């Protein structure tokens, strides 16, 4: 069953515990704009992280928070402008086909994203970040999750964002990596393992509605992938240990019926970015006003 908007899981026993606040940012491509609105709400509510954990687009958003929590929302809003998103995934159809013909594996180069990170991200190494940060990618050779927590940041974030078929696998040292969403769509368990006691989950809105059986051929793979995406998150949420407070921030927008989210097929569409940011901001700010 989907997580209802603003649902919060709270398990606290044994008196007061010194809070270690973690932001957990999930994956979801262009829908990651929702997370910018959530971050804006958290900033206005005065909530700051002691730890940031991200996967896929959540790694991209999260690293800016970890680099400088005071300027993260401003930098992300600039990065999520229509022009910036088009620069990253806006190649003309013939350019995409040419990239696919040359590579045999992907439609887009990751160089525009690399340049964006190099321009906007002022801390080149994990050790230089203001807040501890980790991101995950799927290692091709071992077929396992790999967590990046040290060394150069940009290759790690590119690896976590390397959506199969869209962007190339990223080589780091002697391994190759695909998108972290393949192994952790919303890595709450990692934040728990790292000692977080208060967790804010930032996501792209898909978990707020149930899936429905596919009705068209192209929906079969999408539903199967979405089941795999959500399964680990729901398992981890169901097995939270005592002593935690976990807030799943609402993505906002109109309530949606169960079904397949076709937005993942329109990954280059920038028309809804401003609405995603604003809707998530307003919904999350209301949520935080009511509970904090």
Foldseek 3Di string as FASTA:
>chain_A
DFDAAWDWDAFADDDDDDFQEEEWEFDDFLLSLLLLLLLVLCVVLVHAHQEYEYFAVRLVLRQLCQQPVVCSSVLVVVCLDLVNLCQQQVDDPVQQVVVCVVPVKARGERVSVLVSCVVRRPDQWLVNTNHFYKYWWQWPVVRAIDIDGTDGSSLRNCQQNAATHHYDFGDDDHITTHHRLQHARTPPVVCVVVPGAEYEYHYSAPSNEAADDDDDPVVNVQVVSVCSSCVVVVVCVVPPDHRHIYIYHGQADDDDYHYGDCVSVVSSDSVCSVVSSNRSNVRRNVSSVVPD
